[in-house]
């Protein structure tokens, strides 16, 4: 079978993306609305981009997105600040609540029963229950595609890591127990892992 994107509708192309680019980490992202209320939304088009300085990217589309996700783009563009959280399985249900298309101005922290904790460098609050939070400052926004999509590039200014996740000063990914996105309503746990030593160059 061959799939030619030129023959597909945007919805069909999106399906093939989320079905084949897997598993995807989730950027559970908090920002501040214009009135000062908190906004919280998950994004699965998310990855690291560079190490010096540490940069990450999330992609936000205007097309078929919830109000909270659309607000995220506007809030980051306006304030230049946000916080990304890792989603463990223990918080998957709350993360899912924040993906709902709530009315504009809804505080997703309250809707999901989450605790707001002040960040140290940026103004948006972080999720107190999240095992890892990354305070971020906008580096640039690049608009791409026909439907209106933003590649939001930001510098990670500070990591918050729960102490019990550390073993000899390093993050234990098993204890982190993160979840990722598959296609449709599918998610994946990161518990089933294996190691391979990278071959040495001659």
N, C-alpha and C. Protein backbone atom coordinates (compact mmCIF):
# COMPACT_ATOMS: atom_id res chain seq x y z
N UNK A 1 0.85 -1.20 0.00
CA UNK A 1 0.00 0.00 0.00
C UNK A 1 0.88 1.25 0.00
N UNK A 2 0.46 2.21 -0.78
CA UNK A 2 1.11 3.52 -0.78
C UNK A 2 0.07 4.58 -0.48
N UNK A 3 0.46 5.57 0.30
CA UNK A 3 -0.45 6.67 0.66
C UNK A 3 0.16 7.96 0.14
N UNK A 4 -0.51 8.58 -0.80
CA UNK A 4 -0.03 9.81 -1.42
C UNK A 4 -0.76 10.99 -0.76
N UNK A 5 -0.07 11.82 0.01
CA UNK A 5 -0.73 12.95 0.69
C UNK A 5 -1.47 13.88 -0.27
N UNK A 6 -1.03 13.92 -1.52
CA UNK A 6 -1.67 14.83 -2.48
C UNK A 6 -3.10 14.40 -2.80
N UNK A 7 -3.43 13.14 -2.51
CA UNK A 7 -4.78 12.63 -2.79
C UNK A 7 -5.67 12.65 -1.57
N UNK A 8 -5.15 13.12 -0.43
CA UNK A 8 -5.89 13.03 0.83
C UNK A 8 -6.52 14.36 1.24
N UNK A 9 -7.62 14.26 1.96
CA UNK A 9 -8.17 15.44 2.63
C UNK A 9 -7.28 15.76 3.82
N UNK A 10 -7.35 16.99 4.34
CA UNK A 10 -6.56 17.31 5.54
C UNK A 10 -6.84 16.36 6.70
N UNK A 11 -8.11 15.95 6.88
CA UNK A 11 -8.44 15.03 7.96
C UNK A 11 -7.75 13.69 7.77
N UNK A 12 -7.75 13.18 6.55
CA UNK A 12 -7.11 11.90 6.27
C UNK A 12 -5.60 11.99 6.46
N UNK A 13 -5.01 13.09 6.01
CA UNK A 13 -3.57 13.28 6.19
C UNK A 13 -3.22 13.34 7.67
N UNK A 14 -4.06 14.00 8.45
CA UNK A 14 -3.85 14.09 9.89
C UNK A 14 -3.89 12.69 10.51
N UNK A 15 -4.86 11.87 10.08
CA UNK A 15 -4.93 10.52 10.61
C UNK A 15 -3.65 9.75 10.36
N UNK A 16 -3.12 9.84 9.14
CA UNK A 16 -1.91 9.09 8.83
C UNK A 16 -0.71 9.61 9.63
N UNK A 17 -0.70 10.91 9.92
CA UNK A 17 0.36 11.44 10.77
C UNK A 17 0.30 10.85 12.16
N UNK A 18 -0.88 10.92 12.80
CA UNK A 18 -0.97 10.48 14.20
C UNK A 18 -0.89 8.97 14.32
N UNK A 19 -1.15 8.25 13.21
CA UNK A 19 -1.06 6.79 13.24
C UNK A 19 0.36 6.29 13.01
N UNK A 20 1.19 7.10 12.38
CA UNK A 20 2.53 6.64 12.03
C UNK A 20 3.65 7.36 12.78
N UNK A 21 3.38 8.53 13.33
CA UNK A 21 4.38 9.23 14.14
C UNK A 21 4.03 8.93 15.60
N UNK A 22 4.51 7.79 16.07
CA UNK A 22 4.13 7.28 17.38
C UNK A 22 5.32 6.65 18.09
N UNK A 23 5.30 6.58 19.42
CA UNK A 23 4.40 7.32 20.30
C UNK A 23 4.86 8.77 20.41
N UNK A 24 3.95 9.65 20.74
CA UNK A 24 4.27 11.07 20.83
C UNK A 24 4.19 11.53 22.29
N UNK A 25 5.22 12.24 22.77
CA UNK A 25 5.13 12.79 24.13
C UNK A 25 4.07 13.88 24.18
N UNK A 26 3.58 14.12 25.38
CA UNK A 26 2.52 15.10 25.58
C UNK A 26 3.08 16.32 26.30
N UNK A 27 2.89 17.48 25.71
CA UNK A 27 3.26 18.75 26.34
C UNK A 27 2.00 19.33 26.98
N UNK A 28 1.86 19.14 28.26
CA UNK A 28 0.70 19.66 29.00
C UNK A 28 1.06 21.09 29.37
N UNK A 29 0.46 22.05 28.69
CA UNK A 29 0.99 23.41 28.64
C UNK A 29 0.08 24.41 29.34
N UNK A 30 0.66 25.14 30.29
CA UNK A 30 -0.10 26.19 30.99
C UNK A 30 0.35 27.57 30.52
N UNK A 31 -0.64 28.44 30.33
CA UNK A 31 -0.40 29.83 29.94
C UNK A 31 -1.36 30.72 30.72
N UNK A 32 -1.26 32.03 30.51
CA UNK A 32 -2.18 32.98 31.14
C UNK A 32 -3.02 33.67 30.08
N UNK A 33 -4.34 33.70 30.31
CA UNK A 33 -5.25 34.44 29.44
C UNK A 33 -5.11 35.94 29.70
N UNK A 34 -5.74 36.73 28.84
CA UNK A 34 -5.65 38.19 28.95
C UNK A 34 -6.17 38.69 30.29
N UNK A 35 -7.19 38.02 30.85
CA UNK A 35 -7.76 38.46 32.11
C UNK A 35 -7.00 37.93 33.33
N UNK A 36 -5.91 37.22 33.07
CA UNK A 36 -5.11 36.69 34.17
C UNK A 36 -5.48 35.29 34.61
N UNK A 37 -6.57 34.75 34.05
CA UNK A 37 -6.95 33.38 34.40
C UNK A 37 -5.99 32.40 33.74
N UNK A 38 -5.92 31.21 34.30
CA UNK A 38 -4.99 30.20 33.80
C UNK A 38 -5.62 29.36 32.70
N UNK A 39 -4.80 28.97 31.75
CA UNK A 39 -5.20 28.10 30.66
C UNK A 39 -4.29 26.88 30.69
N UNK A 40 -4.86 25.69 30.44
CA UNK A 40 -4.07 24.46 30.47
C UNK A 40 -4.58 23.53 29.38
N UNK A 41 -3.68 23.10 28.49
CA UNK A 41 -4.08 22.26 27.36
C UNK A 41 -2.94 21.32 26.97
N UNK A 42 -3.28 20.09 26.49
CA UNK A 42 -2.26 19.15 26.07
C UNK A 42 -1.99 19.20 24.56
N UNK A 43 -0.72 18.97 24.19
CA UNK A 43 -0.31 18.94 22.79
C UNK A 43 0.60 17.74 22.57
N UNK A 44 0.35 16.99 21.49
CA UNK A 44 1.19 15.82 21.25
C UNK A 44 2.12 16.00 20.04
N UNK A 45 2.09 17.15 19.39
CA UNK A 45 3.11 17.47 18.41
C UNK A 45 4.16 18.29 19.16
N UNK A 46 5.08 17.57 19.83
CA UNK A 46 5.98 18.17 20.82
C UNK A 46 7.29 17.41 20.84
N UNK A 47 8.39 18.14 20.90
CA UNK A 47 9.69 17.48 21.02
C UNK A 47 10.75 18.49 21.46
N UNK A 48 11.91 17.95 21.83
CA UNK A 48 13.06 18.80 22.05
C UNK A 48 13.65 19.20 20.71
N UNK A 49 14.37 20.30 20.69
CA UNK A 49 14.90 20.82 19.42
C UNK A 49 16.39 21.10 19.45
N UNK A 50 16.93 21.49 20.59
CA UNK A 50 18.36 21.82 20.69
C UNK A 50 18.76 21.75 22.15
N UNK A 51 20.08 21.70 22.39
CA UNK A 51 20.57 21.58 23.76
C UNK A 51 21.32 22.81 24.26
N UNK A 52 21.75 23.69 23.36
CA UNK A 52 22.55 24.84 23.76
C UNK A 52 22.07 26.10 23.05
N UNK A 53 21.12 26.82 23.65
CA UNK A 53 20.45 26.54 24.91
C UNK A 53 19.39 25.46 24.72
N UNK A 54 18.84 24.90 25.82
CA UNK A 54 17.82 23.87 25.67
C UNK A 54 16.53 24.45 25.09
N UNK A 55 16.18 23.99 23.90
CA UNK A 55 14.98 24.46 23.21
C UNK A 55 14.02 23.31 23.00
N UNK A 56 12.73 23.61 23.04
CA UNK A 56 11.70 22.63 22.72
C UNK A 56 10.69 23.28 21.79
N UNK A 57 9.90 22.44 21.12
CA UNK A 57 8.88 22.96 20.22
C UNK A 57 7.55 22.27 20.49
N UNK A 58 6.48 23.03 20.38
CA UNK A 58 5.14 22.48 20.30
C UNK A 58 4.50 23.05 19.04
N UNK A 59 3.62 22.28 18.45
CA UNK A 59 2.92 22.73 17.26
C UNK A 59 1.44 22.90 17.59
N UNK A 60 0.89 24.05 17.24
CA UNK A 60 -0.50 24.37 17.52
C UNK A 60 -1.18 24.77 16.23
N UNK A 61 -2.32 24.17 15.96
CA UNK A 61 -3.06 24.47 14.74
C UNK A 61 -4.36 25.19 15.07
N UNK A 62 -4.74 26.12 14.23
CA UNK A 62 -6.04 26.78 14.40
C UNK A 62 -7.18 25.85 14.00
N UNK A 63 -6.86 24.84 13.22
CA UNK A 63 -7.88 23.98 12.64
C UNK A 63 -8.29 22.88 13.61
N UNK A 64 -9.59 22.78 13.89
CA UNK A 64 -10.16 21.70 14.70
C UNK A 64 -9.49 21.59 16.07
N UNK A 65 -9.16 22.70 16.66
CA UNK A 65 -8.57 22.67 17.99
C UNK A 65 -9.59 23.17 19.00
N UNK A 66 -9.44 22.72 20.24
CA UNK A 66 -10.30 23.22 21.30
C UNK A 66 -9.96 24.68 21.58
N UNK A 67 -10.87 25.33 22.28
CA UNK A 67 -10.66 26.73 22.64
C UNK A 67 -9.38 26.90 23.45
N UNK A 68 -9.14 25.96 24.37
CA UNK A 68 -7.96 26.06 25.23
C UNK A 68 -6.68 25.99 24.41
N UNK A 69 -6.67 25.15 23.37
CA UNK A 69 -5.48 25.02 22.54
C UNK A 69 -5.27 26.28 21.69
N UNK A 70 -6.37 26.83 21.17
CA UNK A 70 -6.24 28.07 20.41
C UNK A 70 -5.76 29.20 21.31
N UNK A 71 -6.26 29.22 22.54
CA UNK A 71 -5.83 30.25 23.49
C UNK A 71 -4.34 30.13 23.79
N UNK A 72 -3.83 28.89 23.80
CA UNK A 72 -2.41 28.69 24.10
C UNK A 72 -1.53 29.46 23.13
N UNK A 73 -1.81 29.35 21.85
CA UNK A 73 -1.04 30.07 20.83
C UNK A 73 -1.09 31.57 21.11
N UNK A 74 -2.28 32.10 21.27
CA UNK A 74 -2.44 33.54 21.49
C UNK A 74 -1.75 33.98 22.78
N UNK A 75 -1.89 33.18 23.82
CA UNK A 75 -1.28 33.55 25.10
C UNK A 75 0.24 33.56 25.04
N UNK A 76 0.81 32.55 24.38
CA UNK A 76 2.27 32.51 24.26
C UNK A 76 2.76 33.66 23.39
N UNK A 77 2.05 33.94 22.31
CA UNK A 77 2.44 35.05 21.44
C UNK A 77 2.38 36.38 22.18
N UNK A 78 1.38 36.52 23.05
CA UNK A 78 1.20 37.78 23.77
C UNK A 78 2.17 37.93 24.94
N UNK A 79 2.39 36.87 25.71
CA UNK A 79 3.17 36.97 26.94
C UNK A 79 4.60 36.44 26.80
N UNK A 80 4.81 35.52 25.85
CA UNK A 80 6.13 34.93 25.67
C UNK A 80 6.51 33.91 26.73
N UNK A 81 5.51 33.45 27.53
CA UNK A 81 5.84 32.54 28.62
C UNK A 81 4.84 31.39 28.72
N UNK A 82 5.35 30.23 29.12
CA UNK A 82 4.47 29.10 29.40
C UNK A 82 5.22 28.05 30.19
N UNK A 83 4.48 27.04 30.67
CA UNK A 83 5.08 25.93 31.41
C UNK A 83 4.59 24.62 30.78
N UNK A 84 5.53 23.72 30.48
CA UNK A 84 5.20 22.40 29.95
C UNK A 84 5.37 21.37 31.06
N UNK A 85 4.39 20.47 31.16
CA UNK A 85 4.41 19.41 32.17
C UNK A 85 4.44 18.04 31.51
N UNK A 86 5.16 17.11 32.11
CA UNK A 86 5.11 15.71 31.71
C UNK A 86 3.85 15.09 32.32
N UNK A 87 3.17 14.25 31.56
CA UNK A 87 1.93 13.62 32.03
C UNK A 87 2.21 12.17 32.44
N UNK A 88 2.15 11.86 33.73
CA UNK A 88 2.25 10.45 34.15
C UNK A 88 0.88 9.80 34.05
N UNK A 89 0.85 8.48 34.12
CA UNK A 89 -0.44 7.80 34.03
C UNK A 89 -1.39 8.23 35.14
N UNK A 90 -0.86 8.55 36.30
CA UNK A 90 -1.70 8.96 37.43
C UNK A 90 -2.49 10.24 37.15
N UNK A 91 -2.02 11.05 36.18
CA UNK A 91 -2.70 12.31 35.85
C UNK A 91 -3.33 12.27 34.46
N UNK A 92 -3.38 11.10 33.84
CA UNK A 92 -3.91 11.01 32.48
C UNK A 92 -5.36 11.46 32.39
N UNK A 93 -6.17 11.08 33.36
CA UNK A 93 -7.59 11.47 33.33
C UNK A 93 -7.75 12.98 33.45
N UNK A 94 -6.97 13.60 34.32
CA UNK A 94 -7.04 15.05 34.47
C UNK A 94 -6.55 15.75 33.21
N UNK A 95 -5.50 15.22 32.60
CA UNK A 95 -5.02 15.78 31.33
C UNK A 95 -6.12 15.72 30.28
N UNK A 96 -6.84 14.61 30.25
CA UNK A 96 -7.91 14.44 29.27
C UNK A 96 -9.02 15.46 29.48
N UNK A 97 -9.31 15.79 30.73
CA UNK A 97 -10.32 16.82 31.03
C UNK A 97 -9.92 18.15 30.40
N UNK A 98 -8.63 18.46 30.44
CA UNK A 98 -8.17 19.75 29.92
C UNK A 98 -8.15 19.79 28.39
N UNK A 99 -8.36 18.64 27.75
CA UNK A 99 -8.44 18.63 26.28
C UNK A 99 -9.84 18.97 25.79
N UNK A 100 -10.80 19.04 26.70
CA UNK A 100 -12.19 19.35 26.34
C UNK A 100 -12.29 20.79 25.84
N UNK A 101 -13.26 21.02 24.97
CA UNK A 101 -13.47 22.36 24.43
C UNK A 101 -14.29 23.18 25.42
N UNK A 102 -13.64 23.63 26.48
CA UNK A 102 -14.30 24.46 27.49
C UNK A 102 -14.56 25.85 26.94
N UNK A 103 -15.56 26.55 27.47
CA UNK A 103 -15.79 27.94 27.05
C UNK A 103 -14.57 28.81 27.33
N UNK A 104 -14.40 29.85 26.53
CA UNK A 104 -13.28 30.77 26.71
C UNK A 104 -13.30 31.33 28.11
N UNK A 105 -12.14 31.36 28.74
CA UNK A 105 -12.03 31.90 30.10
C UNK A 105 -12.14 30.84 31.18
N UNK A 106 -12.50 29.60 30.80
CA UNK A 106 -12.56 28.53 31.79
C UNK A 106 -11.17 28.26 32.35
N UNK A 107 -11.09 28.11 33.65
CA UNK A 107 -9.83 27.75 34.29
C UNK A 107 -9.72 26.23 34.28
N UNK A 108 -8.89 25.70 33.39
CA UNK A 108 -8.78 24.24 33.26
C UNK A 108 -8.15 23.59 34.49
N UNK A 109 -7.37 24.34 35.25
CA UNK A 109 -6.86 23.81 36.52
C UNK A 109 -8.02 23.44 37.43
N UNK A 110 -8.99 24.35 37.53
CA UNK A 110 -10.15 24.12 38.39
C UNK A 110 -11.01 22.99 37.81
N UNK A 111 -11.24 23.02 36.50
CA UNK A 111 -12.07 22.00 35.87
C UNK A 111 -11.52 20.60 36.08
N UNK A 112 -10.19 20.47 36.11
CA UNK A 112 -9.56 19.15 36.27
C UNK A 112 -9.19 18.84 37.71
N UNK A 113 -9.47 19.76 38.63
CA UNK A 113 -9.17 19.52 40.04
C UNK A 113 -7.68 19.52 40.34
N UNK A 114 -6.93 20.40 39.68
CA UNK A 114 -5.48 20.45 39.82
C UNK A 114 -5.05 21.63 40.68
N UNK A 115 -3.88 21.51 41.26
CA UNK A 115 -3.35 22.55 42.14
C UNK A 115 -2.44 23.50 41.37
N UNK A 116 -2.68 24.79 41.50
CA UNK A 116 -1.79 25.79 40.90
C UNK A 116 -0.64 26.07 41.86
N UNK A 117 0.57 26.01 41.31
CA UNK A 117 1.77 26.34 42.08
C UNK A 117 2.51 27.43 41.31
N UNK A 118 2.93 28.50 41.98
CA UNK A 118 3.64 29.56 41.25
C UNK A 118 4.93 29.04 40.63
N UNK A 119 5.19 29.47 39.40
CA UNK A 119 6.49 29.21 38.79
C UNK A 119 7.49 30.21 39.37
N UNK A 120 8.77 29.95 39.13
CA UNK A 120 9.80 30.83 39.70
C UNK A 120 10.23 31.93 38.76
N UNK A 121 10.23 31.67 37.46
CA UNK A 121 10.74 32.64 36.50
C UNK A 121 9.63 33.23 35.64
N UNK A 122 8.69 32.40 35.20
CA UNK A 122 7.61 32.87 34.34
C UNK A 122 6.33 33.05 35.15
N UNK A 123 5.36 33.73 34.57
CA UNK A 123 4.14 34.06 35.30
C UNK A 123 3.07 32.96 35.30
N UNK A 124 2.92 32.17 34.22
CA UNK A 124 1.90 31.11 34.27
C UNK A 124 2.19 30.13 35.40
N UNK A 125 1.14 29.64 36.07
CA UNK A 125 1.36 28.68 37.14
C UNK A 125 1.71 27.30 36.59
N UNK A 126 2.27 26.48 37.45
CA UNK A 126 2.52 25.10 37.06
C UNK A 126 1.57 24.17 37.80
N UNK A 127 1.44 22.95 37.29
CA UNK A 127 0.57 21.95 37.89
C UNK A 127 1.32 21.33 39.07
N UNK A 128 0.80 21.53 40.27
CA UNK A 128 1.49 21.05 41.47
C UNK A 128 1.65 19.55 41.50
N UNK A 129 0.72 18.82 40.90
CA UNK A 129 0.77 17.36 40.93
C UNK A 129 1.70 16.76 39.87
N UNK A 130 2.13 17.56 38.91
CA UNK A 130 2.95 17.03 37.81
C UNK A 130 4.35 16.67 38.31
N UNK A 131 4.90 15.53 37.88
CA UNK A 131 6.22 15.12 38.35
C UNK A 131 7.36 15.95 37.77
N UNK A 132 7.14 16.50 36.57
CA UNK A 132 8.16 17.34 35.92
C UNK A 132 7.46 18.53 35.29
N UNK A 133 8.03 19.71 35.48
CA UNK A 133 7.54 20.92 34.84
C UNK A 133 8.72 21.70 34.28
N UNK A 134 8.52 22.29 33.10
CA UNK A 134 9.58 23.06 32.44
C UNK A 134 9.09 24.48 32.21
N UNK A 135 9.71 25.43 32.86
CA UNK A 135 9.36 26.83 32.63
C UNK A 135 10.02 27.28 31.32
N UNK A 136 9.23 27.87 30.43
CA UNK A 136 9.70 28.19 29.09
C UNK A 136 9.47 29.65 28.73
N UNK A 137 10.37 30.17 27.89
CA UNK A 137 10.23 31.52 27.34
C UNK A 137 10.30 31.42 25.82
N UNK A 138 9.39 32.10 25.16
CA UNK A 138 9.29 32.05 23.70
C UNK A 138 10.57 32.52 23.04
N UNK A 139 11.01 31.72 22.06
CA UNK A 139 12.17 32.10 21.25
C UNK A 139 11.71 32.61 19.89
N UNK A 140 10.77 31.89 19.26
CA UNK A 140 10.17 32.36 18.01
C UNK A 140 8.96 31.52 17.67
N UNK A 141 8.09 32.08 16.81
CA UNK A 141 6.94 31.37 16.27
C UNK A 141 7.08 31.37 14.76
N UNK A 142 6.98 30.19 14.17
CA UNK A 142 7.04 30.04 12.72
C UNK A 142 5.71 29.47 12.26
N UNK A 143 5.00 30.21 11.40
CA UNK A 143 3.71 29.73 10.89
C UNK A 143 3.94 28.94 9.61
N UNK A 144 3.32 27.76 9.55
CA UNK A 144 3.50 26.86 8.41
C UNK A 144 2.14 26.29 8.00
N UNK A 145 2.12 25.65 6.82
CA UNK A 145 0.95 24.92 6.38
C UNK A 145 -0.18 25.80 5.89
N UNK A 146 -1.17 25.16 5.26
CA UNK A 146 -2.32 25.89 4.72
C UNK A 146 -3.41 26.15 5.74
N UNK A 147 -3.46 25.31 6.79
CA UNK A 147 -4.55 25.44 7.76
C UNK A 147 -4.24 26.42 8.88
N UNK A 148 -3.01 26.92 8.93
CA UNK A 148 -2.62 27.83 10.00
C UNK A 148 -2.09 27.06 11.18
N UNK A 149 -0.82 26.73 11.14
CA UNK A 149 -0.17 26.00 12.22
C UNK A 149 1.05 26.78 12.67
N UNK A 150 1.24 26.82 13.98
CA UNK A 150 2.40 27.51 14.55
C UNK A 150 3.38 26.50 15.11
N UNK A 151 4.64 26.59 14.69
CA UNK A 151 5.72 25.92 15.38
C UNK A 151 6.22 26.91 16.43
N UNK A 152 5.99 26.58 17.68
CA UNK A 152 6.35 27.47 18.78
C UNK A 152 7.64 26.96 19.41
N UNK A 153 8.69 27.74 19.24
CA UNK A 153 10.02 27.35 19.74
C UNK A 153 10.30 28.16 21.00
N UNK A 154 10.66 27.47 22.06
CA UNK A 154 10.94 28.18 23.31
C UNK A 154 12.15 27.60 24.02
N UNK A 155 12.77 28.45 24.83
CA UNK A 155 13.90 28.03 25.64
C UNK A 155 13.40 27.54 26.99
N UNK A 156 13.91 26.40 27.43
CA UNK A 156 13.59 25.90 28.76
C UNK A 156 14.49 26.63 29.76
N UNK A 157 13.86 27.39 30.64
CA UNK A 157 14.59 28.21 31.59
C UNK A 157 14.87 27.49 32.91
N UNK A 158 13.97 26.57 33.28
CA UNK A 158 14.09 25.90 34.57
C UNK A 158 13.27 24.62 34.56
N UNK A 159 13.87 23.54 35.04
CA UNK A 159 13.15 22.28 35.26
C UNK A 159 12.77 22.15 36.72
N UNK A 160 11.53 21.71 36.98
CA UNK A 160 11.11 21.30 38.31
C UNK A 160 10.93 19.78 38.25
N UNK A 161 11.66 19.04 39.06
CA UNK A 161 11.60 17.58 39.06
C UNK A 161 11.34 17.10 40.49
N UNK A 162 10.31 16.27 40.63
CA UNK A 162 9.97 15.76 41.96
C UNK A 162 11.13 14.94 42.52
N UNK A 163 11.50 15.16 43.76
CA UNK A 163 12.70 14.56 44.35
C UNK A 163 12.69 13.05 44.30
N UNK A 164 11.53 12.42 44.49
CA UNK A 164 11.49 10.96 44.57
C UNK A 164 11.74 10.28 43.21
N UNK A 165 11.81 11.08 42.14
CA UNK A 165 12.08 10.52 40.82
C UNK A 165 13.58 10.40 40.53
N UNK A 166 14.40 10.94 41.43
CA UNK A 166 15.84 10.98 41.18
C UNK A 166 16.55 9.79 41.81
N UNK A 167 17.47 9.22 41.05
CA UNK A 167 18.35 8.17 41.53
C UNK A 167 19.78 8.59 41.19
N UNK A 168 20.57 8.82 42.22
CA UNK A 168 21.95 9.30 42.05
C UNK A 168 22.00 10.57 41.20
N UNK A 169 21.03 11.45 41.43
CA UNK A 169 21.02 12.74 40.75
C UNK A 169 20.47 12.73 39.34
N UNK A 170 20.03 11.57 38.85
CA UNK A 170 19.48 11.47 37.50
C UNK A 170 18.02 11.03 37.56
N UNK A 171 17.25 11.48 36.56
CA UNK A 171 15.84 11.14 36.51
C UNK A 171 15.66 9.67 36.17
N UNK A 172 14.90 8.95 36.99
CA UNK A 172 14.56 7.55 36.73
C UNK A 172 13.28 7.52 35.90
N UNK A 173 13.41 7.18 34.61
CA UNK A 173 12.25 7.24 33.71
C UNK A 173 11.19 6.21 34.09
N UNK A 174 11.59 5.15 34.77
CA UNK A 174 10.61 4.18 35.24
C UNK A 174 9.70 4.78 36.29
N UNK A 175 10.29 5.52 37.22
CA UNK A 175 9.49 6.18 38.25
C UNK A 175 8.64 7.31 37.67
N UNK A 176 9.12 7.91 36.59
CA UNK A 176 8.36 9.00 35.95
C UNK A 176 7.01 8.50 35.46
N UNK A 177 6.98 7.29 34.88
CA UNK A 177 5.73 6.64 34.46
C UNK A 177 4.91 7.51 33.51
N UNK A 178 5.58 8.09 32.52
CA UNK A 178 4.90 8.99 31.58
C UNK A 178 4.01 8.21 30.63
N UNK A 179 3.04 8.92 30.05
CA UNK A 179 2.21 8.35 28.99
C UNK A 179 2.44 9.15 27.71
N UNK A 180 2.14 8.52 26.57
CA UNK A 180 2.28 9.19 25.28
C UNK A 180 1.05 8.94 24.43
N UNK A 181 0.96 9.64 23.32
CA UNK A 181 -0.20 9.56 22.44
C UNK A 181 0.06 8.60 21.29
N UNK A 182 -0.99 7.87 20.96
CA UNK A 182 -1.03 7.06 19.76
C UNK A 182 -2.11 7.67 18.87
N UNK A 183 -2.70 6.88 17.98
CA UNK A 183 -3.75 7.41 17.10
C UNK A 183 -5.10 7.37 17.81
N UNK A 184 -6.03 8.22 17.34
CA UNK A 184 -7.39 8.22 17.87
C UNK A 184 -7.40 8.47 19.36
N UNK A 185 -8.07 7.57 20.11
CA UNK A 185 -8.14 7.68 21.57
C UNK A 185 -7.04 6.90 22.26
N UNK A 186 -6.07 6.42 21.49
CA UNK A 186 -5.05 5.55 22.05
C UNK A 186 -3.93 6.29 22.76
N UNK A 187 -3.48 5.69 23.86
CA UNK A 187 -2.33 6.17 24.61
C UNK A 187 -1.37 5.00 24.84
N UNK A 188 -0.17 5.30 25.25
CA UNK A 188 0.82 4.27 25.52
C UNK A 188 1.49 4.58 26.85
N UNK A 189 1.82 3.51 27.60
CA UNK A 189 2.60 3.65 28.82
C UNK A 189 4.08 3.45 28.49
N UNK A 190 4.93 4.07 29.28
CA UNK A 190 6.37 3.95 29.02
C UNK A 190 7.03 2.91 29.91
N UNK A 191 6.23 2.04 30.52
CA UNK A 191 6.80 1.04 31.43
C UNK A 191 7.53 -0.08 30.70
N UNK A 192 7.07 -0.41 29.50
CA UNK A 192 7.66 -1.51 28.76
C UNK A 192 8.82 -0.98 27.92
N UNK A 193 10.03 -1.10 28.45
CA UNK A 193 11.19 -0.52 27.80
C UNK A 193 12.28 -1.56 27.62
N UNK A 194 13.21 -1.30 26.74
CA UNK A 194 14.40 -2.14 26.62
C UNK A 194 15.58 -1.26 26.28
N UNK A 195 16.77 -1.76 26.57
CA UNK A 195 18.00 -1.00 26.35
C UNK A 195 18.80 -1.62 25.20
N UNK A 196 19.46 -0.77 24.46
CA UNK A 196 20.43 -1.21 23.45
C UNK A 196 21.62 -0.27 23.53
N UNK A 197 22.81 -0.83 23.58
CA UNK A 197 24.02 -0.02 23.58
C UNK A 197 24.33 0.42 22.17
N UNK A 198 24.57 1.69 21.98
CA UNK A 198 24.87 2.21 20.65
C UNK A 198 26.20 1.66 20.15
N UNK A 199 26.26 1.20 18.90
CA UNK A 199 27.53 0.68 18.37
C UNK A 199 28.61 1.75 18.38
N UNK A 200 29.83 1.33 18.69
CA UNK A 200 30.94 2.27 18.71
C UNK A 200 31.48 2.50 17.30
N UNK A 201 31.87 3.72 17.02
CA UNK A 201 32.49 4.02 15.74
C UNK A 201 33.92 3.51 15.74
N UNK A 202 34.40 3.09 14.58
CA UNK A 202 35.77 2.59 14.48
C UNK A 202 36.76 3.74 14.50
